[in-house]
Each structure stands twice: as structure tokens, then as C-alpha cells.
Amino acid sequence: MEHVKLFYHLCTETFDSLRDEIDVPGVSFQDVFKEVVSAPYVLNELLALAALHLSTLTSDQNIYHHQAKELQTHALSIFNQMAPEVNAETCVPLVIFSSALGMHEMCETLFFRETTFEHFLDNFIRSLCLNQGVRAVTGSSWNLLKESILGTMFKQGEKTVTPTGTVSGETCSRLLGLITTANLDQEYKDSCKQAILALQSVLDESDREVSQRPSIISIRAWPVMVCKGYIDLLRMREPHGLVVLAHYAALIHLRRDLWICGDGGQFLEMNGRTGYAGQSKLYLANEL
């Protein structure tokens, strides 16, 4: 009965809370459900997401938060046992599972965050690594997904590919200029530049949104797009990489109204300013 309650909440509340963020023209919740009903790992993760959403709304936060963790663990266990291959039948369930898992981990990192910035950053890096899995799934099945019920979304997504050239917007131009001229190993510099260009492409896409604010898809695009080299820089607490992260925090803060984000962006920016990222900005300013 608890699972029935969660499924009802998923259909009536959780999905609606994200409708404007993840809506695909011409695709209903029922259409999506038909695609994933035969994939128990997806159903368990969707129930986990509903439990997580409930935990942000009720006074029984610990109960639902614990339930969300149990369901997520069960979903991952089933997924590992099934080890589904990417094909026309599994590509949609896999990408929905990856996306739901990514939103789950983002909420865990930002909303149910660690109190110390050091531990928070460790969890954030773990979340970035998880998002690389989303990149692997979508990268290997992009053509299949374009022919699926999610085809409209992925065809639009081709406009926001991993950037390799110059930024089209101006928001990150100064940051890019500082990194370009920084006294930094070329390998590290290239990783930072790739992360900055990815962030600018997300900002450019957000500017095209009707609401003029980033959607959860846009916010989650950056962690998927950054390269492994940049994640390694964060793991090493490399100052220049942390400067870029502080700019991403501002993007998250723009969606503090969304339950997945809460005030996590502000926490990341403020603690970064007084902690690692703050030292980074000072270091970068002094250096240049």
C-alpha cells in the first residue's frame, strides 16, 4: 500500500511539479509509462523519486527519505542484475532511469546536503560521476532515441551539443579569458575551458526559454557535458576548477523555487566564496 501511495503521488504531484521542466510535446505521462512498465528498475527509481519529493513536503521527512534510499538501492540492484543492453526496446527506459537517478542524486546533494563544504563537495563530485553514465547512455543510443517517443526532445538537444568552439553568449566570456591566460598546465586549462564552454551553451539555451530561466534539463545538462578531466580537477580541489563551479552555483540558484534544488546553489556559492572557491577567486585575481 505504501508503493500504491507513492505511485499516486508520482502521477498527481511529482510529475506535475516537473511538468514544465521535462515536458515533451505530444508525449503524456501515460505514453512514458507504457515504455517503462516492463522495466522494474525504472519503476523502483520513479517510486524512489516520489518518496524523495514527499520527504521535502511533509513533517515525516526522515521516513520518506529513508524509503527513497531503499527504493533507489533496490532499483540499482535490479539494474545490475539485468544489465540491459542498449537497443530500440531498452533505450527509452534506460534514459528515463538515468535521468530520474540523476535528479534523485541532485536533490540528495543540494537539498539533503552535508553540513560541511568538504563533504558536500565530495558528494557533488560523486553526482558528477553518476551523470557521466547518462552521457554514456544517450551517446550510445542517440539515433535510437531520436526515433523514439522522446524523439522531439533529443532532436532539440542536438542544438546543445558539447561545445568545442567559442562561446556565443557573453556571460562567461570574462571567465574564459581569465582561464585562457592563466598560468596553468595546458591539460588542466583545456578541461576548464571545456567546462566553461559547456556552461555558456547551457546559459544560451536558457535564454531561449520562454520563462527566461533555466529548466531542470538545462541545469542537469552541464554535469552531463563536462569532461572527466574537469571532474578530476574538482577532486584535487584545483583552484581554477572551483572558480568555474562557483559560476555553475549561480545557475542552480536561479531555480531555488524547484524542490530538487532548494537553496543548494546559494550554499555552494556562499561556502565556496569563503572556502575553496573563495580562495580560488583570490588566487586567480592575484595571479592575473
Protein backbone atom coordinates (compact mmCIF):
# COMPACT_ATOMS: atom_id res chain seq x y z
CA MET A 1 0.00 0.00 0.00
CA GLU A 2 2.94 2.32 0.57
CA HIS A 3 4.03 1.75 -3.02
CA VAL A 4 0.50 2.49 -4.24
CA LYS A 5 0.59 5.73 -2.27
CA LEU A 6 3.92 6.63 -3.79
CA PHE A 7 2.72 5.80 -7.29
CA TYR A 8 -0.33 8.01 -6.79
CA HIS A 9 1.93 10.83 -5.59
CA LEU A 10 4.21 10.28 -8.59
CA CYS A 11 1.30 10.60 -11.03
CA THR A 12 -0.50 13.51 -9.35
CA GLU A 13 2.24 15.56 -7.68
CA THR A 14 5.82 14.69 -8.57
CA PHE A 15 5.27 14.56 -12.32
CA ASP A 16 3.21 17.77 -12.20
CA SER A 17 5.95 19.53 -10.22
CA LEU A 18 8.35 18.78 -13.08
CA ARG A 19 5.91 19.05 -15.99
CA ASP A 20 7.16 22.44 -17.15
CA GLU A 21 10.74 21.20 -16.79
CA ILE A 22 10.59 17.86 -18.60
CA ASP A 23 7.54 18.19 -20.82
CA VAL A 24 7.97 16.67 -24.28
CA PRO A 25 5.44 17.97 -26.86
CA GLY A 26 2.91 15.31 -27.76
CA VAL A 27 4.07 12.86 -25.07
CA SER A 28 1.92 12.17 -21.99
CA PHE A 29 2.80 10.51 -18.71
CA GLN A 30 0.79 7.50 -19.90
CA ASP A 31 2.92 7.25 -23.03
CA VAL A 32 6.09 7.24 -20.96
CA PHE A 33 4.69 4.71 -18.50
CA LYS A 34 3.92 2.28 -21.33
CA GLU A 35 7.60 2.37 -22.26
CA VAL A 36 8.91 1.63 -18.75
CA VAL A 37 6.26 -0.70 -17.30
CA SER A 38 8.34 -3.75 -18.24
CA ALA A 39 11.50 -2.32 -16.64
CA PRO A 40 11.27 -2.83 -12.85
CA TYR A 41 14.47 -0.91 -12.21
CA VAL A 42 12.83 2.21 -13.71
CA LEU A 43 9.61 1.77 -11.72
CA ASN A 44 11.53 1.43 -8.47
CA GLU A 45 13.57 4.57 -9.18
CA LEU A 46 10.43 6.53 -10.10
CA LEU A 47 8.84 5.47 -6.81
CA ALA A 48 12.08 6.50 -5.08
CA LEU A 49 11.82 9.93 -6.71
CA ALA A 50 8.22 10.25 -5.50
CA ALA A 51 9.29 9.32 -1.96
CA LEU A 52 12.09 11.87 -2.15
CA HIS A 53 9.63 14.53 -3.29
CA LEU A 54 7.30 13.66 -0.39
CA SER A 55 10.19 13.94 2.04
CA THR A 56 10.63 17.61 1.02
CA LEU A 57 6.95 18.34 1.65
CA THR A 58 5.92 16.57 4.86
CA SER A 59 6.89 16.56 8.51
CA ASP A 60 7.67 12.83 8.14
CA GLN A 61 10.80 13.75 6.21
CA ASN A 62 13.02 11.01 7.65
CA ILE A 63 10.51 8.26 6.91
CA TYR A 64 10.10 9.10 3.24
CA HIS A 65 13.77 9.95 2.81
CA HIS A 66 14.69 6.51 4.14
CA GLN A 67 12.11 4.94 1.84
CA ALA A 68 13.58 6.81 -1.13
CA LYS A 69 17.03 5.41 -0.36
CA GLU A 70 15.70 1.85 -0.03
CA LEU A 71 13.83 2.04 -3.34
CA GLN A 72 16.84 3.52 -5.11
CA THR A 73 19.07 0.74 -3.75
CA HIS A 74 16.54 -1.84 -4.95
CA ALA A 75 16.38 -0.18 -8.39
CA LEU A 76 20.16 -0.25 -8.77
CA SER A 77 20.30 -3.87 -7.64
CA ILE A 78 17.75 -4.91 -10.28
CA PHE A 79 19.52 -2.86 -12.92
CA ASN A 80 22.87 -4.51 -12.15
CA GLN A 81 21.30 -7.96 -12.27
CA MET A 82 19.52 -7.33 -15.57
CA ALA A 83 22.45 -5.45 -17.16
CA PRO A 84 20.24 -4.40 -20.11
CA GLU A 85 21.89 -3.76 -23.45
CA VAL A 86 21.10 -0.56 -25.31
CA ASN A 87 18.71 -1.23 -28.19
CA ALA A 88 15.47 0.12 -29.64
CA GLU A 89 13.43 -1.55 -26.90
CA THR A 90 15.54 -0.51 -23.92
CA CYS A 91 16.84 2.93 -24.91
CA VAL A 92 13.84 4.87 -23.55
CA PRO A 93 13.65 3.02 -20.20
CA LEU A 94 17.42 3.43 -19.83
CA VAL A 95 17.42 7.17 -20.47
CA ILE A 96 14.42 7.71 -18.16
CA PHE A 97 16.15 5.65 -15.47
CA SER A 98 19.36 7.63 -15.90
CA SER A 99 17.51 10.94 -15.80
CA ALA A 100 15.43 10.02 -12.74
CA LEU A 101 18.55 8.75 -11.00
CA GLY A 102 20.35 11.99 -11.86
CA MET A 103 17.54 14.15 -10.45
CA HIS A 104 17.44 11.96 -7.35
CA GLU A 105 21.15 12.42 -6.75
CA MET A 106 20.94 16.15 -7.43
CA CYS A 107 18.25 16.52 -4.77
CA GLU A 108 20.27 14.41 -2.33
CA THR A 109 23.32 16.59 -2.96
CA LEU A 110 21.65 20.01 -2.94
CA PHE A 111 18.58 19.69 -0.70
CA PHE A 112 19.68 16.97 1.74
CA ARG A 113 23.21 18.27 1.74
CA GLU A 114 26.11 17.72 4.07
CA THR A 115 26.71 20.48 6.62
CA THR A 116 30.41 20.83 5.83
CA PHE A 117 31.53 22.13 2.45
CA GLU A 118 34.25 19.48 2.19
CA HIS A 119 31.75 16.61 2.40
CA PHE A 120 29.25 18.49 0.26
CA LEU A 121 31.87 18.83 -2.47
CA ASP A 122 32.70 15.11 -2.28
CA ASN A 123 29.02 14.28 -2.82
CA PHE A 124 28.77 16.81 -5.64
CA ILE A 125 31.72 15.18 -7.40
CA ARG A 126 30.10 11.76 -6.95
CA SER A 127 26.94 13.18 -8.53
CA LEU A 128 29.00 14.46 -11.48
CA CYS A 129 30.47 10.99 -11.99
CA LEU A 130 26.98 9.50 -11.99
CA ASN A 131 25.91 11.93 -14.69
CA GLN A 132 28.68 10.61 -16.90
CA GLY A 133 26.56 7.45 -17.02
CA VAL A 134 23.72 9.47 -18.53
CA ARG A 135 26.15 10.73 -21.12
CA ALA A 136 27.21 7.18 -21.94
CA VAL A 137 23.60 6.00 -22.39
CA THR A 138 22.47 8.93 -24.54
CA GLY A 139 25.70 8.92 -26.54
CA SER A 140 25.39 5.26 -27.47
CA SER A 141 21.69 5.42 -28.31
CA TRP A 142 21.21 8.94 -29.69
CA ASN A 143 19.93 7.84 -33.10
CA LEU A 144 17.58 5.31 -31.49
CA LEU A 145 16.24 7.93 -29.09
CA LYS A 146 15.56 10.35 -31.96
CA GLU A 147 13.21 7.73 -33.39
CA SER A 148 11.50 7.03 -30.05
CA ILE A 149 8.60 8.81 -28.32
CA LEU A 150 11.25 11.15 -26.88
CA GLY A 151 12.49 11.99 -30.36
CA THR A 152 11.36 15.65 -30.27
CA MET A 153 13.38 16.33 -27.14
CA PHE A 154 16.53 14.68 -28.46
CA LYS A 155 16.31 16.37 -31.84
CA GLN A 156 16.14 19.69 -30.00
CA GLY A 157 19.01 18.53 -27.82
CA GLU A 158 21.26 18.37 -30.87
CA LYS A 159 21.36 22.16 -30.69
CA THR A 160 23.10 21.92 -27.32
CA VAL A 161 25.99 19.58 -28.00
CA THR A 162 29.26 19.50 -26.10
CA PRO A 163 30.82 22.80 -27.18
CA THR A 164 34.30 22.91 -28.60
CA GLY A 165 34.43 26.34 -30.21
CA THR A 166 33.98 29.85 -28.89
CA VAL A 167 31.05 30.85 -26.68
CA SER A 168 28.16 32.60 -28.41
CA GLY A 169 26.95 34.41 -25.29
CA GLU A 170 28.84 36.92 -23.21
CA THR A 171 28.11 35.71 -19.68
CA CYS A 172 31.20 33.52 -19.39
CA SER A 173 33.48 35.46 -21.73
CA ARG A 174 35.47 37.14 -18.95
CA LEU A 175 35.85 33.84 -17.09
CA LEU A 176 37.03 32.16 -20.29
CA GLY A 177 39.55 34.93 -20.84
CA LEU A 178 40.96 34.56 -17.33
CA ILE A 179 41.38 30.81 -17.73
CA THR A 180 42.90 31.19 -21.19
CA THR A 181 45.67 33.41 -19.87
CA ALA A 182 46.13 31.62 -16.54
CA ASN A 183 49.45 30.09 -15.51
CA LEU A 184 48.15 26.55 -15.69
CA ASP A 185 49.15 23.27 -17.33
CA GLN A 186 47.59 23.05 -20.78
CA GLU A 187 45.73 19.84 -19.90
CA TYR A 188 44.08 21.49 -16.88
CA LYS A 189 43.42 24.64 -18.89
CA ASP A 190 41.67 22.68 -21.65
CA SER A 191 39.45 20.90 -19.09
CA CYS A 192 38.44 24.23 -17.52
CA LYS A 193 37.75 25.79 -20.92
CA GLN A 194 35.57 22.83 -21.91
CA ALA A 195 33.55 23.21 -18.68
CA ILE A 196 33.15 26.96 -19.27
CA LEU A 197 32.01 26.49 -22.86
CA ALA A 198 29.53 23.84 -21.70
CA LEU A 199 28.18 26.26 -19.09
CA GLN A 200 27.83 29.03 -21.66
CA SER A 201 25.94 26.72 -24.03
CA VAL A 202 23.52 25.90 -21.18
CA LEU A 203 23.07 29.61 -20.48
CA ASP A 204 22.45 30.26 -24.18
CA GLU A 205 19.78 27.57 -24.21
CA SER A 206 18.18 29.04 -21.06
CA ASP A 207 18.00 32.45 -22.74
CA ARG A 208 15.81 30.86 -25.40
CA GLU A 209 13.37 29.53 -22.77
CA VAL A 210 10.02 31.34 -22.64
CA SER A 211 10.40 31.86 -18.89
CA GLN A 212 13.95 33.20 -19.35
CA ARG A 213 15.13 30.91 -16.57
CA PRO A 214 16.94 27.57 -16.77
CA SER A 215 14.89 24.37 -16.72
CA ILE A 216 16.00 21.36 -14.69
CA ILE A 217 17.06 19.78 -18.00
CA SER A 218 19.35 22.76 -18.67
CA ILE A 219 20.77 22.64 -15.14
CA ARG A 220 21.43 18.93 -15.43
CA ALA A 221 22.93 19.32 -18.91
CA TRP A 222 26.16 20.85 -17.58
CA PRO A 223 27.10 17.89 -15.30
CA VAL A 224 26.47 15.56 -18.23
CA MET A 225 28.57 17.66 -20.62
CA VAL A 226 31.68 18.29 -18.53
CA CYS A 227 34.69 16.08 -19.24
CA LYS A 228 36.38 13.67 -16.88
CA GLY A 229 39.43 15.93 -16.75
CA TYR A 230 37.37 18.70 -15.17
CA ILE A 231 35.92 16.33 -12.57
CA ASP A 232 39.47 15.31 -11.72
CA LEU A 233 40.32 18.99 -11.14
CA LEU A 234 37.47 19.29 -8.64
CA ARG A 235 38.58 16.10 -6.94
CA MET A 236 42.02 17.67 -6.49
CA ARG A 237 40.40 20.94 -5.27
CA GLU A 238 42.25 22.72 -8.08
CA PRO A 239 41.51 26.47 -7.67
CA HIS A 240 40.63 27.27 -11.30
CA GLY A 241 38.18 24.38 -11.49
CA LEU A 242 36.47 25.59 -8.33
CA VAL A 243 36.08 29.06 -9.82
CA VAL A 244 34.08 27.54 -12.68
CA LEU A 245 31.98 25.57 -10.19
CA ALA A 246 31.10 28.78 -8.33
CA HIS A 247 29.65 30.15 -11.59
CA TYR A 248 27.56 26.98 -12.04
CA ALA A 249 26.24 27.51 -8.48
CA ALA A 250 24.72 30.80 -9.63
CA LEU A 251 22.81 28.90 -12.34
CA ILE A 252 21.42 26.47 -9.75
CA HIS A 253 20.39 29.39 -7.53
CA LEU A 254 18.17 30.72 -10.32
CA ARG A 255 15.94 27.65 -9.73
CA ARG A 256 15.78 27.78 -5.94
CA ASP A 257 11.98 27.53 -6.35
CA LEU A 258 12.35 23.92 -7.53
CA TRP A 259 12.29 21.24 -4.82
CA ILE A 260 15.21 19.39 -6.36
CA CYS A 261 17.50 22.41 -5.96
CA GLY A 262 16.21 24.29 -2.92
CA ASP A 263 18.85 26.68 -1.62
CA GLY A 264 21.68 24.34 -2.63
CA GLY A 265 23.05 26.79 -5.19
CA GLN A 266 23.31 29.51 -2.58
CA PHE A 267 25.03 27.11 -0.18
CA LEU A 268 27.54 26.12 -2.84
CA GLU A 269 28.26 29.71 -3.86
CA MET A 270 28.46 31.16 -0.33
CA ASN A 271 30.59 28.39 1.12
CA GLY A 272 32.71 28.34 -2.00
CA ARG A 273 33.29 32.05 -1.60
CA THR A 274 34.53 31.64 1.99
CA GLY A 275 36.12 28.24 1.43
CA TYR A 276 37.85 26.63 -1.54
CA ALA A 277 36.20 28.68 -4.25
CA GLY A 278 36.78 31.90 -2.32
CA GLN A 279 40.47 31.12 -2.12
CA SER A 280 40.34 30.26 -5.82
CA LYS A 281 38.90 33.63 -6.82
CA LEU A 282 41.52 35.44 -4.74
CA TYR A 283 44.24 33.19 -6.12
CA LEU A 284 43.12 33.75 -9.69
CA ALA A 285 42.83 37.52 -9.22
CA ASN A 286 46.29 37.75 -7.68
CA GLU A 287 47.78 35.53 -10.32
CA LEU A 288 46.40 37.54 -13.24
